[in-house]
Amino acid sequence: MDKQELFDKQKELLDTFLATGAITKDQYDKSLNALQEKMFPKSEN
C-alpha cells in the first residue's frame, strides 16, 4: 500500500465519521488538513 492509498483509506474513514455525525465539519476539516500535512508535507523534496 502506497501513501496515496493509505491517505485515501484514512479520508474515507473521516468521510464516514462526518456522514454519521461522529465528528463536526470543523473537526473533519482540521483532521483532513493535518493528515494532508503529515502524509504530503509541502517541504518534501
N, C-alpha and C. Protein backbone atom coordinates (compact mmCIF):
# COMPACT_ATOMS: atom_id res chain seq x y z
N MET A 1 0.86 -1.18 0.00
CA MET A 1 0.00 0.00 0.00
C MET A 1 0.90 1.24 0.00
N ASP A 2 0.66 2.13 -0.95
CA ASP A 2 1.48 3.34 -1.01
C ASP A 2 0.81 4.47 -0.21
N LYS A 3 1.49 5.60 -0.15
CA LYS A 3 1.00 6.73 0.63
C LYS A 3 -0.37 7.21 0.18
N GLN A 4 -0.58 7.24 -1.13
CA GLN A 4 -1.86 7.73 -1.64
C GLN A 4 -3.00 6.80 -1.24
N GLU A 5 -2.76 5.50 -1.31
CA GLU A 5 -3.80 4.53 -0.92
C GLU A 5 -4.11 4.65 0.57
N LEU A 6 -3.07 4.82 1.38
CA LEU A 6 -3.28 4.97 2.83
C LEU A 6 -4.05 6.26 3.11
N PHE A 7 -3.67 7.33 2.43
CA PHE A 7 -4.38 8.61 2.58
C PHE A 7 -5.85 8.43 2.22
N ASP A 8 -6.12 7.77 1.10
CA ASP A 8 -7.50 7.57 0.64
C ASP A 8 -8.32 6.79 1.67
N LYS A 9 -7.72 5.77 2.27
CA LYS A 9 -8.42 4.98 3.29
C LYS A 9 -8.73 5.84 4.53
N GLN A 10 -7.76 6.64 4.95
CA GLN A 10 -7.96 7.50 6.12
C GLN A 10 -9.02 8.56 5.82
N LYS A 11 -9.01 9.12 4.61
CA LYS A 11 -10.00 10.13 4.24
C LYS A 11 -11.39 9.49 4.20
N GLU A 12 -11.48 8.28 3.69
CA GLU A 12 -12.76 7.58 3.65
C GLU A 12 -13.32 7.39 5.07
N LEU A 13 -12.44 7.08 6.01
CA LEU A 13 -12.87 6.94 7.40
C LEU A 13 -13.37 8.27 7.94
N LEU A 14 -12.65 9.36 7.66
CA LEU A 14 -13.10 10.68 8.08
C LEU A 14 -14.45 11.02 7.44
N ASP A 15 -14.61 10.69 6.16
CA ASP A 15 -15.89 10.92 5.47
C ASP A 15 -17.03 10.20 6.18
N THR A 16 -16.77 8.97 6.59
CA THR A 16 -17.78 8.18 7.30
C THR A 16 -18.12 8.82 8.64
N PHE A 17 -17.10 9.25 9.37
CA PHE A 17 -17.34 9.91 10.66
C PHE A 17 -18.19 11.16 10.48
N LEU A 18 -17.90 11.93 9.45
CA LEU A 18 -18.66 13.16 9.19
C LEU A 18 -20.10 12.81 8.81
N ALA A 19 -20.27 11.84 7.93
CA ALA A 19 -21.60 11.47 7.45
C ALA A 19 -22.49 10.94 8.57
N THR A 20 -21.90 10.27 9.55
CA THR A 20 -22.69 9.69 10.63
C THR A 20 -22.83 10.63 11.83
N GLY A 21 -22.20 11.80 11.73
CA GLY A 21 -22.31 12.77 12.82
C GLY A 21 -21.35 12.52 13.96
N ALA A 22 -20.40 11.62 13.77
CA ALA A 22 -19.44 11.33 14.84
C ALA A 22 -18.48 12.50 15.06
N ILE A 23 -18.25 13.29 14.00
CA ILE A 23 -17.42 14.48 14.11
C ILE A 23 -18.12 15.63 13.38
N THR A 24 -17.75 16.85 13.75
CA THR A 24 -18.32 18.03 13.10
C THR A 24 -17.53 18.35 11.83
N LYS A 25 -18.08 19.23 11.01
CA LYS A 25 -17.39 19.67 9.79
C LYS A 25 -16.06 20.34 10.15
N ASP A 26 -16.03 21.11 11.22
CA ASP A 26 -14.78 21.74 11.66
C ASP A 26 -13.74 20.70 12.05
N GLN A 27 -14.16 19.66 12.78
CA GLN A 27 -13.25 18.59 13.16
C GLN A 27 -12.75 17.85 11.92
N TYR A 28 -13.64 17.62 10.98
CA TYR A 28 -13.28 16.95 9.73
C TYR A 28 -12.22 17.75 8.99
N ASP A 29 -12.48 19.05 8.82
CA ASP A 29 -11.53 19.91 8.10
C ASP A 29 -10.17 19.93 8.78
N LYS A 30 -10.17 20.05 10.10
CA LYS A 30 -8.90 20.08 10.85
C LYS A 30 -8.16 18.76 10.70
N SER A 31 -8.86 17.65 10.83
CA SER A 31 -8.23 16.34 10.73
C SER A 31 -7.72 16.06 9.32
N LEU A 32 -8.50 16.44 8.32
CA LEU A 32 -8.09 16.22 6.93
C LEU A 32 -6.85 17.06 6.61
N ASN A 33 -6.84 18.29 7.07
CA ASN A 33 -5.68 19.16 6.85
C ASN A 33 -4.44 18.58 7.52
N ALA A 34 -4.57 18.10 8.75
CA ALA A 34 -3.44 17.51 9.47
C ALA A 34 -2.94 16.26 8.75
N LEU A 35 -3.86 15.45 8.26
CA LEU A 35 -3.50 14.24 7.53
C LEU A 35 -2.73 14.58 6.26
N GLN A 36 -3.20 15.58 5.53
CA GLN A 36 -2.52 16.00 4.31
C GLN A 36 -1.12 16.51 4.61
N GLU A 37 -0.98 17.30 5.66
CA GLU A 37 0.32 17.86 6.01
C GLU A 37 1.30 16.76 6.44
N LYS A 38 0.82 15.78 7.16
CA LYS A 38 1.70 14.70 7.62
C LYS A 38 2.11 13.76 6.50
N MET A 39 1.18 13.47 5.60
CA MET A 39 1.47 12.50 4.55
C MET A 39 2.14 13.11 3.34
N PHE A 40 1.82 14.37 3.08
CA PHE A 40 2.37 15.04 1.88
C PHE A 40 2.87 16.43 2.26
N PRO A 41 3.93 16.50 3.09
CA PRO A 41 4.43 17.82 3.51
C PRO A 41 4.89 18.65 2.30
N LYS A 42 4.63 19.92 2.37
CA LYS A 42 4.99 20.82 1.27
C LYS A 42 6.49 20.91 1.06
N SER A 43 7.27 20.69 2.11
CA SER A 43 8.73 20.79 2.03
C SER A 43 9.38 19.49 1.58
N GLU A 44 8.56 18.48 1.22
CA GLU A 44 9.10 17.19 0.81
C GLU A 44 9.73 17.31 -0.57
N ASN A 45 11.06 17.14 -0.63
CA ASN A 45 11.79 17.26 -1.90
C ASN A 45 12.51 16.00 -2.24
